[in-house]
Amino acid sequence: MLQTCLELQPENVTVLVQLEQIFEEKGDHASLTRVYRLLAKTLKDDALRARYLTAAGLLHEARLSQPAEAAACFERPSPATGATRCSSRR
């Protein structure tokens, strides 16, 4: 059901924040990184986008042993689009 929410409303910030809390409580790091990336892609505030990309990168590195994914989250956003390789993934 939770994955269905992500599929149906991937840019609904209210749903994403609720899923963030649920996935944190469950320790579902893979789903949590997806929510963080979607939040970073959806939000307009640069500070919040940076927070979510950093959180996604830390989880990729420390919990999921995915250094390449982590590096993509930590890279500087594109000046033209504001996106990183991490925030543009689903």
PDB file of N, CA and C in Angstrom:
ATOM      1  N   MET A   1       0.809  -1.189   0.000  1.00  0.00           N
ATOM      2  CA  MET A   1       0.000   0.000   0.000  1.00  0.00           C
ATOM      3  C   MET A   1       0.863   1.268   0.000  1.00  0.00           C
ATOM      4  N   LEU A   2       1.942   1.261   0.787  1.00  0.00           N
ATOM      5  CA  LEU A   2       2.805   2.443   0.851  1.00  0.00           C
ATOM      6  C   LEU A   2       3.474   2.707  -0.497  1.00  0.00           C
ATOM      7  N   GLN A   3       3.926   1.647  -1.150  1.00  0.00           N
ATOM      8  CA  GLN A   3       4.558   1.812  -2.452  1.00  0.00           C
ATOM      9  C   GLN A   3       3.554   2.339  -3.473  1.00  0.00           C
ATOM     10  N   THR A   4       2.294   1.943  -3.325  1.00  0.00           N
ATOM     11  CA  THR A   4       1.241   2.440  -4.211  1.00  0.00           C
ATOM     12  C   THR A   4       1.081   3.942  -4.041  1.00  0.00           C
ATOM     13  N   CYS A   5       1.151   4.419  -2.810  1.00  0.00           N
ATOM     14  CA  CYS A   5       1.074   5.869  -2.558  1.00  0.00           C
ATOM     15  C   CYS A   5       2.193   6.595  -3.298  1.00  0.00           C
ATOM     16  N   LEU A   6       3.392   6.027  -3.272  1.00  0.00           N
ATOM     17  CA  LEU A   6       4.515   6.649  -3.977  1.00  0.00           C
ATOM     18  C   LEU A   6       4.271   6.670  -5.482  1.00  0.00           C
ATOM     19  N   GLU A   7       3.713   5.587  -6.003  1.00  0.00           N
ATOM     20  CA  GLU A   7       3.470   5.510  -7.438  1.00  0.00           C
ATOM     21  C   GLU A   7       2.372   6.480  -7.883  1.00  0.00           C
ATOM     22  N   LEU A   8       1.311   6.587  -7.074  1.00  0.00           N
ATOM     23  CA  LEU A   8       0.167   7.409  -7.455  1.00  0.00           C
ATOM     24  C   LEU A   8       0.391   8.900  -7.237  1.00  0.00           C
ATOM     25  N   GLN A   9       1.159   9.254  -6.203  1.00  0.00           N
ATOM     26  CA  GLN A   9       1.341  10.672  -5.869  1.00  0.00           C
ATOM     27  C   GLN A   9       2.807  10.986  -5.564  1.00  0.00           C
ATOM     28  N   PRO A  10       3.693  10.801  -6.542  1.00  0.00           N
ATOM     29  CA  PRO A  10       5.118  10.986  -6.276  1.00  0.00           C
ATOM     30  C   PRO A  10       5.538  12.428  -6.002  1.00  0.00           C
ATOM     31  N   GLU A  11       4.665  13.401  -6.246  1.00  0.00           N
ATOM     32  CA  GLU A  11       5.017  14.797  -6.009  1.00  0.00           C
ATOM     33  C   GLU A  11       4.125  15.448  -4.963  1.00  0.00           C
ATOM     34  N   ASN A  12       3.362  14.650  -4.228  1.00  0.00           N
ATOM     35  CA  ASN A  12       2.503  15.163  -3.167  1.00  0.00           C
ATOM     36  C   ASN A  12       3.338  15.245  -1.886  1.00  0.00           C
ATOM     37  N   VAL A  13       3.723  16.456  -1.517  1.00  0.00           N
ATOM     38  CA  VAL A  13       4.624  16.653  -0.384  1.00  0.00           C
ATOM     39  C   VAL A  13       4.021  16.118   0.917  1.00  0.00           C
ATOM     40  N   THR A  14       2.728  16.299   1.106  1.00  0.00           N
ATOM     41  CA  THR A  14       2.083  15.802   2.328  1.00  0.00           C
ATOM     42  C   THR A  14       2.226  14.295   2.427  1.00  0.00           C
ATOM     43  N   VAL A  15       1.968  13.595   1.345  1.00  0.00           N
ATOM     44  CA  VAL A  15       2.106  12.136   1.330  1.00  0.00           C
ATOM     45  C   VAL A  15       3.560  11.742   1.546  1.00  0.00           C
ATOM     46  N   LEU A  16       4.473  12.430   0.887  1.00  0.00           N
ATOM     47  CA  LEU A  16       5.893  12.107   1.019  1.00  0.00           C
ATOM     48  C   LEU A  16       6.387  12.282   2.456  1.00  0.00           C
ATOM     49  N   VAL A  17       5.963  13.349   3.124  1.00  0.00           N
ATOM     50  CA  VAL A  17       6.391  13.581   4.509  1.00  0.00           C
ATOM     51  C   VAL A  17       5.819  12.499   5.434  1.00  0.00           C
ATOM     52  N   GLN A  18       4.584  12.094   5.178  1.00  0.00           N
ATOM     53  CA  GLN A  18       3.995  11.016   5.977  1.00  0.00           C
ATOM     54  C   GLN A  18       4.737   9.702   5.738  1.00  0.00           C
ATOM     55  N   LEU A  19       5.065   9.421   4.485  1.00  0.00           N
ATOM     56  CA  LEU A  19       5.812   8.209   4.173  1.00  0.00           C
ATOM     57  C   LEU A  19       7.223   8.261   4.759  1.00  0.00           C
ATOM     58  N   GLU A  20       7.807   9.439   4.793  1.00  0.00           N
ATOM     59  CA  GLU A  20       9.127   9.600   5.408  1.00  0.00           C
ATOM     60  C   GLU A  20       9.093   9.101   6.845  1.00  0.00           C
ATOM     61  N   GLN A  21       8.109   9.521   7.599  1.00  0.00           N
ATOM     62  CA  GLN A  21       7.995   9.112   8.993  1.00  0.00           C
ATOM     63  C   GLN A  21       7.777   7.598   9.115  1.00  0.00           C
ATOM     64  N   ILE A  22       6.919   7.055   8.278  1.00  0.00           N
ATOM     65  CA  ILE A  22       6.628   5.620   8.327  1.00  0.00           C
ATOM     66  C   ILE A  22       7.872   4.803   7.993  1.00  0.00           C
ATOM     67  N   PHE A  23       8.567   5.175   6.926  1.00  0.00           N
ATOM     68  CA  PHE A  23       9.759   4.427   6.527  1.00  0.00           C
ATOM     69  C   PHE A  23      10.880   4.572   7.543  1.00  0.00           C
ATOM     70  N   GLU A  24      10.999   5.742   8.181  1.00  0.00           N
ATOM     71  CA  GLU A  24      11.987   5.916   9.248  1.00  0.00           C
ATOM     72  C   GLU A  24      11.695   4.954  10.393  1.00  0.00           C
ATOM     73  N   GLU A  25      10.434   4.896  10.813  1.00  0.00           N
ATOM     74  CA  GLU A  25      10.048   4.022  11.927  1.00  0.00           C
ATOM     75  C   GLU A  25      10.271   2.552  11.592  1.00  0.00           C
ATOM     76  N   LYS A  26      10.041   2.171  10.345  1.00  0.00           N
ATOM     77  CA  LYS A  26      10.209   0.782   9.919  1.00  0.00           C
ATOM     78  C   LYS A  26      11.668   0.426   9.646  1.00  0.00           C
ATOM     79  N   GLY A  27      12.509   1.433   9.511  1.00  0.00           N
ATOM     80  CA  GLY A  27      13.901   1.176   9.151  1.00  0.00           C
ATOM     81  C   GLY A  27      14.050   0.742   7.700  1.00  0.00           C
ATOM     82  N   ASP A  28      13.113   1.150   6.851  1.00  0.00           N
ATOM     83  CA  ASP A  28      13.136   0.809   5.432  1.00  0.00           C
ATOM     84  C   ASP A  28      13.973   1.857   4.697  1.00  0.00           C
ATOM     85  N   HIS A  29      15.285   1.653   4.714  1.00  0.00           N
ATOM     86  CA  HIS A  29      16.213   2.644   4.189  1.00  0.00           C
ATOM     87  C   HIS A  29      16.101   2.833   2.685  1.00  0.00           C
ATOM     88  N   ALA A  30      15.854   1.782   1.950  1.00  0.00           N
ATOM     89  CA  ALA A  30      15.734   1.908   0.494  1.00  0.00           C
ATOM     90  C   ALA A  30      14.535   2.788   0.129  1.00  0.00           C
ATOM     91  N   SER A  31      13.396   2.529   0.755  1.00  0.00           N
ATOM     92  CA  SER A  31      12.210   3.344   0.477  1.00  0.00           C
ATOM     93  C   SER A  31      12.399   4.768   0.969  1.00  0.00           C
ATOM     94  N   LEU A  32      13.085   4.920   2.076  1.00  0.00           N
ATOM     95  CA  LEU A  32      13.328   6.246   2.631  1.00  0.00           C
ATOM     96  C   LEU A  32      14.194   7.080   1.691  1.00  0.00           C
ATOM     97  N   THR A  33      15.212   6.464   1.090  1.00  0.00           N
ATOM     98  CA  THR A  33      16.034   7.224   0.141  1.00  0.00           C
ATOM     99  C   THR A  33      15.202   7.649  -1.062  1.00  0.00           C
ATOM    100  N   ARG A  34      14.283   6.801  -1.487  1.00  0.00           N
ATOM    101  CA  ARG A  34      13.410   7.172  -2.612  1.00  0.00           C
ATOM    102  C   ARG A  34      12.543   8.378  -2.243  1.00  0.00           C
ATOM    103  N   VAL A  35      11.987   8.365  -1.038  1.00  0.00           N
ATOM    104  CA  VAL A  35      11.175   9.489  -0.576  1.00  0.00           C
ATOM    105  C   VAL A  35      12.028  10.747  -0.498  1.00  0.00           C
ATOM    106  N   TYR A  36      13.229  10.641   0.040  1.00  0.00           N
ATOM    107  CA  TYR A  36      14.112  11.804   0.129  1.00  0.00           C
ATOM    108  C   TYR A  36      14.414  12.372  -1.263  1.00  0.00           C
ATOM    109  N   ARG A  37      14.689  11.492  -2.227  1.00  0.00           N
ATOM    110  CA  ARG A  37      14.975  11.965  -3.590  1.00  0.00           C
ATOM    111  C   ARG A  37      13.756  12.647  -4.200  1.00  0.00           C
ATOM    112  N   LEU A  38      12.576  12.080  -3.974  1.00  0.00           N
ATOM    113  CA  LEU A  38      11.352  12.694  -4.499  1.00  0.00           C
ATOM    114  C   LEU A  38      11.083  14.049  -3.847  1.00  0.00           C
ATOM    115  N   LEU A  39      11.325  14.152  -2.545  1.00  0.00           N
ATOM    116  CA  LEU A  39      11.157  15.440  -1.871  1.00  0.00           C
ATOM    117  C   LEU A  39      12.131  16.469  -2.443  1.00  0.00           C
ATOM    118  N   ALA A  40      13.371  16.069  -2.641  1.00  0.00           N
ATOM    119  CA  ALA A  40      14.374  16.987  -3.191  1.00  0.00           C
ATOM    120  C   ALA A  40      13.992  17.431  -4.602  1.00  0.00           C
ATOM    121  N   LYS A  41      13.393  16.540  -5.356  1.00  0.00           N
ATOM    122  CA  LYS A  41      12.980  16.865  -6.722  1.00  0.00           C
ATOM    123  C   LYS A  41      11.755  17.785  -6.726  1.00  0.00           C
ATOM    124  N   THR A  42      10.884  17.629  -5.737  1.00  0.00           N
ATOM    125  CA  THR A  42       9.613  18.345  -5.706  1.00  0.00           C
ATOM    126  C   THR A  42       9.715  19.726  -5.066  1.00  0.00           C
ATOM    127  N   LEU A  43      10.489  19.831  -3.996  1.00  0.00           N
ATOM    128  CA  LEU A  43      10.565  21.085  -3.240  1.00  0.00           C
ATOM    129  C   LEU A  43      11.347  22.152  -4.007  1.00  0.00           C
ATOM    130  N   LYS A  44      10.974  23.398  -3.783  1.00  0.00           N
ATOM    131  CA  LYS A  44      11.641  24.529  -4.445  1.00  0.00           C
ATOM    132  C   LYS A  44      12.713  25.165  -3.567  1.00  0.00           C
ATOM    133  N   ASP A  45      12.606  24.990  -2.250  1.00  0.00           N
ATOM    134  CA  ASP A  45      13.542  25.590  -1.300  1.00  0.00           C
ATOM    135  C   ASP A  45      14.891  24.864  -1.375  1.00  0.00           C
ATOM    136  N   ASP A  46      15.941  25.603  -1.744  1.00  0.00           N
ATOM    137  CA  ASP A  46      17.260  24.994  -1.923  1.00  0.00           C
ATOM    138  C   ASP A  46      17.801  24.352  -0.649  1.00  0.00           C
ATOM    139  N   ALA A  47      17.555  24.980   0.496  1.00  0.00           N
ATOM    140  CA  ALA A  47      18.059  24.426   1.760  1.00  0.00           C
ATOM    141  C   ALA A  47      17.391  23.087   2.071  1.00  0.00           C
ATOM    142  N   LEU A  48      16.092  23.001   1.847  1.00  0.00           N
ATOM    143  CA  LEU A  48      15.385  21.734   2.075  1.00  0.00           C
ATOM    144  C   LEU A  48      15.817  20.676   1.074  1.00  0.00           C
ATOM    145  N   ARG A  49      15.994  21.085  -0.164  1.00  0.00           N
ATOM    146  CA  ARG A  49      16.462  20.131  -1.180  1.00  0.00           C
ATOM    147  C   ARG A  49      17.820  19.568  -0.779  1.00  0.00           C
ATOM    148  N   ALA A  50      18.713  20.441  -0.321  1.00  0.00           N
ATOM    149  CA  ALA A  50      20.042  20.000   0.109  1.00  0.00           C
ATOM    150  C   ALA A  50      19.949  19.053   1.297  1.00  0.00           C
ATOM    151  N   ARG A  51      19.054  19.349   2.223  1.00  0.00           N
ATOM    152  CA  ARG A  51      18.872  18.487   3.401  1.00  0.00           C
ATOM    153  C   ARG A  51      18.456  17.084   2.979  1.00  0.00           C
ATOM    154  N   TYR A  52      17.481  16.993   2.083  1.00  0.00           N
ATOM    155  CA  TYR A  52      16.988  15.677   1.668  1.00  0.00           C
ATOM    156  C   TYR A  52      18.004  14.929   0.809  1.00  0.00           C
ATOM    157  N   LEU A  53      18.726  15.630  -0.052  1.00  0.00           N
ATOM    158  CA  LEU A  53      19.757  14.957  -0.838  1.00  0.00           C
ATOM    159  C   LEU A  53      20.893  14.458   0.048  1.00  0.00           C
ATOM    160  N   THR A  54      21.264  15.250   1.045  1.00  0.00           N
ATOM    161  CA  THR A  54      22.299  14.823   1.986  1.00  0.00           C
ATOM    162  C   THR A  54      21.843  13.597   2.767  1.00  0.00           C
ATOM    163  N   ALA A  55      20.607  13.629   3.239  1.00  0.00           N
ATOM    164  CA  ALA A  55      20.074  12.482   3.986  1.00  0.00           C
ATOM    165  C   ALA A  55      20.049  11.233   3.107  1.00  0.00           C
ATOM    166  N   ALA A  56      19.638  11.385   1.849  1.00  0.00           N
ATOM    167  CA  ALA A  56      19.624  10.244   0.928  1.00  0.00           C
ATOM    168  C   ALA A  56      21.040   9.718   0.716  1.00  0.00           C
ATOM    169  N   GLY A  57      21.981  10.629   0.511  1.00  0.00           N
ATOM    170  CA  GLY A  57      23.370  10.220   0.310  1.00  0.00           C
ATOM    171  C   GLY A  57      23.939   9.484   1.503  1.00  0.00           C
ATOM    172  N   LEU A  58      23.654   9.976   2.692  1.00  0.00           N
ATOM    173  CA  LEU A  58      24.154   9.310   3.902  1.00  0.00           C
ATOM    174  C   LEU A  58      23.580   7.908   4.046  1.00  0.00           C
ATOM    175  N   LEU A  59      22.295   7.740   3.739  1.00  0.00           N
ATOM    176  CA  LEU A  59      21.699   6.407   3.808  1.00  0.00           C
ATOM    177  C   LEU A  59      22.283   5.478   2.745  1.00  0.00           C
ATOM    178  N   HIS A  60      22.462   5.992   1.534  1.00  0.00           N
ATOM    179  CA  HIS A  60      23.060   5.172   0.473  1.00  0.00           C
ATOM    180  C   HIS A  60      24.444   4.686   0.893  1.00  0.00           C
ATOM    181  N   GLU A  61      25.191   5.569   1.519  1.00  0.00           N
ATOM    182  CA  GLU A  61      26.563   5.234   1.902  1.00  0.00           C
ATOM    183  C   GLU A  61      26.616   4.333   3.130  1.00  0.00           C
ATOM    184  N   ALA A  62      25.957   4.738   4.202  1.00  0.00           N
ATOM    185  CA  ALA A  62      26.109   4.059   5.491  1.00  0.00           C
ATOM    186  C   ALA A  62      25.232   2.826   5.660  1.00  0.00           C
ATOM    187  N   ARG A  63      24.023   2.864   5.164  1.00  0.00           N
ATOM    188  CA  ARG A  63      23.078   1.772   5.412  1.00  0.00           C
ATOM    189  C   ARG A  63      22.911   0.816   4.244  1.00  0.00           C
ATOM    190  N   LEU A  64      23.063   1.338   3.026  1.00  0.00           N
ATOM    191  CA  LEU A  64      22.790   0.511   1.849  1.00  0.00           C
ATOM    192  C   LEU A  64      24.056   0.107   1.094  1.00  0.00           C
ATOM    193  N   SER A  65      25.208   0.586   1.557  1.00  0.00           N
ATOM    194  CA  SER A  65      26.506   0.276   0.924  1.00  0.00           C
ATOM    195  C   SER A  65      26.469   0.528  -0.588  1.00  0.00           C
ATOM    196  N   GLN A  66      26.004   1.719  -0.954  1.00  0.00           N
ATOM    197  CA  GLN A  66      25.909   2.111  -2.358  1.00  0.00           C
ATOM    198  C   GLN A  66      26.667   3.424  -2.561  1.00  0.00           C
ATOM    199  N   PRO A  67      27.998   3.346  -2.610  1.00  0.00           N
ATOM    200  CA  PRO A  67      28.797   4.575  -2.683  1.00  0.00           C
ATOM    201  C   PRO A  67      28.547   5.409  -3.940  1.00  0.00           C
ATOM    202  N   ALA A  68      28.271   4.769  -5.071  1.00  0.00           N
ATOM    203  CA  ALA A  68      28.017   5.543  -6.293  1.00  0.00           C
ATOM    204  C   ALA A  68      26.713   6.337  -6.170  1.00  0.00           C
ATOM    205  N   GLU A  69      25.697   5.723  -5.596  1.00  0.00           N
ATOM    206  CA  GLU A  69      24.432   6.423  -5.370  1.00  0.00           C
ATOM    207  C   GLU A  69      24.645   7.581  -4.392  1.00  0.00           C
ATOM    208  N   ALA A  70      25.434   7.332  -3.355  1.00  0.00           N
ATOM    209  CA  ALA A  70      25.728   8.378  -2.371  1.00  0.00           C
ATOM    210  C   ALA A  70      26.424   9.555  -3.042  1.00  0.00           C
ATOM    211  N   ALA A  71      27.417   9.260  -3.866  1.00  0.00           N
ATOM    212  CA  ALA A  71      28.163  10.319  -4.550  1.00  0.00           C
ATOM    213  C   ALA A  71      27.246  11.158  -5.435  1.00  0.00           C
ATOM    214  N   ALA A  72      26.288  10.508  -6.093  1.00  0.00           N
ATOM    215  CA  ALA A  72      25.345  11.238  -6.948  1.00  0.00           C
ATOM    216  C   ALA A  72      24.512  12.216  -6.121  1.00  0.00           C
ATOM    217  N   CYS A  73      24.182  11.839  -4.903  1.00  0.00           N
ATOM    218  CA  CYS A  73      23.391  12.721  -4.031  1.00  0.00           C
ATOM    219  C   CYS A  73      24.214  13.892  -3.511  1.00  0.00           C
ATOM    220  N   PHE A  74      25.513  13.679  -3.346  1.00  0.00           N
ATOM    221  CA  PHE A  74      26.368  14.725  -2.789  1.00  0.00           C
ATOM    222  C   PHE A  74      26.907  15.689  -3.849  1.00  0.00           C
ATOM    223  N   GLU A  75      26.701  15.411  -5.128  1.00  0.00           N
ATOM    224  CA  GLU A  75      27.256  16.281  -6.169  1.00  0.00           C
ATOM    225  C   GLU A  75      26.543  17.631  -6.205  1.00  0.00           C
ATOM    226  N   ARG A  76      27.205  18.596  -6.777  1.00  0.00           N
ATOM    227  CA  ARG A  76      26.651  19.952  -6.910  1.00  0.00           C
ATOM    228  C   ARG A  76      25.505  19.921  -7.929  1.00  0.00           C
ATOM    229  N   PRO A  77      24.366  20.569  -7.603  1.00  0.00           N
ATOM    230  CA  PRO A  77      23.249  20.608  -8.551  1.00  0.00           C
ATOM    231  C   PRO A  77      23.606  21.340  -9.836  1.00  0.00           C
ATOM    232  N   SER A  78      22.969  20.958 -10.911  1.00  0.00           N
ATOM    233  CA  SER A  78      23.146  21.617 -12.203  1.00  0.00           C
ATOM    234  C   SER A  78      22.652  23.061 -12.121  1.00  0.00           C
ATOM    235  N   PRO A  79      23.446  24.029 -12.572  1.00  0.00           N
ATOM    236  CA  PRO A  79      22.994  25.423 -12.533  1.00  0.00           C
ATOM    237  C   PRO A  79      21.740  25.650 -13.384  1.00  0.00           C
ATOM    238  N   ALA A  80      21.613  24.907 -14.472  1.00  0.00           N
ATOM    239  CA  ALA A  80      20.477  25.104 -15.374  1.00  0.00           C
ATOM    240  C   ALA A  80      19.172  24.576 -14.793  1.00  0.00           C
ATOM    241  N   THR A  81      19.227  23.394 -14.163  1.00  0.00           N
ATOM    242  CA  THR A  81      17.992  22.754 -13.710  1.00  0.00           C
ATOM    243  C   THR A  81      17.861  22.666 -12.198  1.00  0.00           C
ATOM    244  N   GLY A  82      18.978  22.791 -11.488  1.00  0.00           N
ATOM    245  CA  GLY A  82      18.948  22.626 -10.038  1.00  0.00           C
ATOM    246  C   GLY A  82      18.905  21.176  -9.615  1.00  0.00           C
ATOM    247  N   ALA A  83      18.995  20.257 -10.568  1.00  0.00           N
ATOM    248  CA  ALA A  83      18.893  18.827 -10.264  1.00  0.00           C
ATOM    249  C   ALA A  83      20.278  18.198 -10.155  1.00  0.00           C
ATOM    250  N   THR A  84      20.336  17.104  -9.416  1.00  0.00           N
ATOM    251  CA  THR A  84      21.518  16.257  -9.374  1.00  0.00           C
ATOM    252  C   THR A  84      21.138  14.914  -9.993  1.00  0.00           C
ATOM    253  N   ARG A  85      22.115  14.061 -10.223  1.00  0.00           N
ATOM    254  CA  ARG A  85      21.787  12.718 -10.726  1.00  0.00           C
ATOM    255  C   ARG A  85      20.933  11.986  -9.695  1.00  0.00           C
ATOM    256  N   CYS A  86      21.144  12.250  -8.420  1.00  0.00           N
ATOM    257  CA  CYS A  86      20.381  11.595  -7.363  1.00  0.00           C
ATOM    258  C   CYS A  86      18.926  12.053  -7.376  1.00  0.00           C
ATOM    259  N   SER A  87      18.679  13.346  -7.465  1.00  0.00           N
ATOM    260  CA  SER A  87      17.307  13.854  -7.397  1.00  0.00           C
ATOM    261  C   SER A  87      16.516  13.553  -8.660  1.00  0.00           C
ATOM    262  N   SER A  88      17.196  13.232  -9.741  1.00  0.00           N
ATOM    263  CA  SER A  88      16.469  12.950 -10.967  1.00  0.00           C
ATOM    264  C   SER A  88      16.142  11.465 -11.129  1.00  0.00           C
ATOM    265  N   ARG A  89      16.588  10.640 -10.197  1.00  0.00           N
ATOM    266  CA  ARG A  89      16.283   9.201 -10.239  1.00  0.00           C
ATOM    267  C   ARG A  89      14.994   8.923  -9.517  1.00  0.00           C
ATOM    268  N   ARG A  90      14.380   7.813  -9.869  1.00  0.00           N
ATOM    269  CA  ARG A  90      13.146   7.387  -9.194  1.00  0.00           C
ATOM    270  C   ARG A  90      13.354   6.076  -8.557  1.00  0.00           C
TER     271      ARG A  90
END
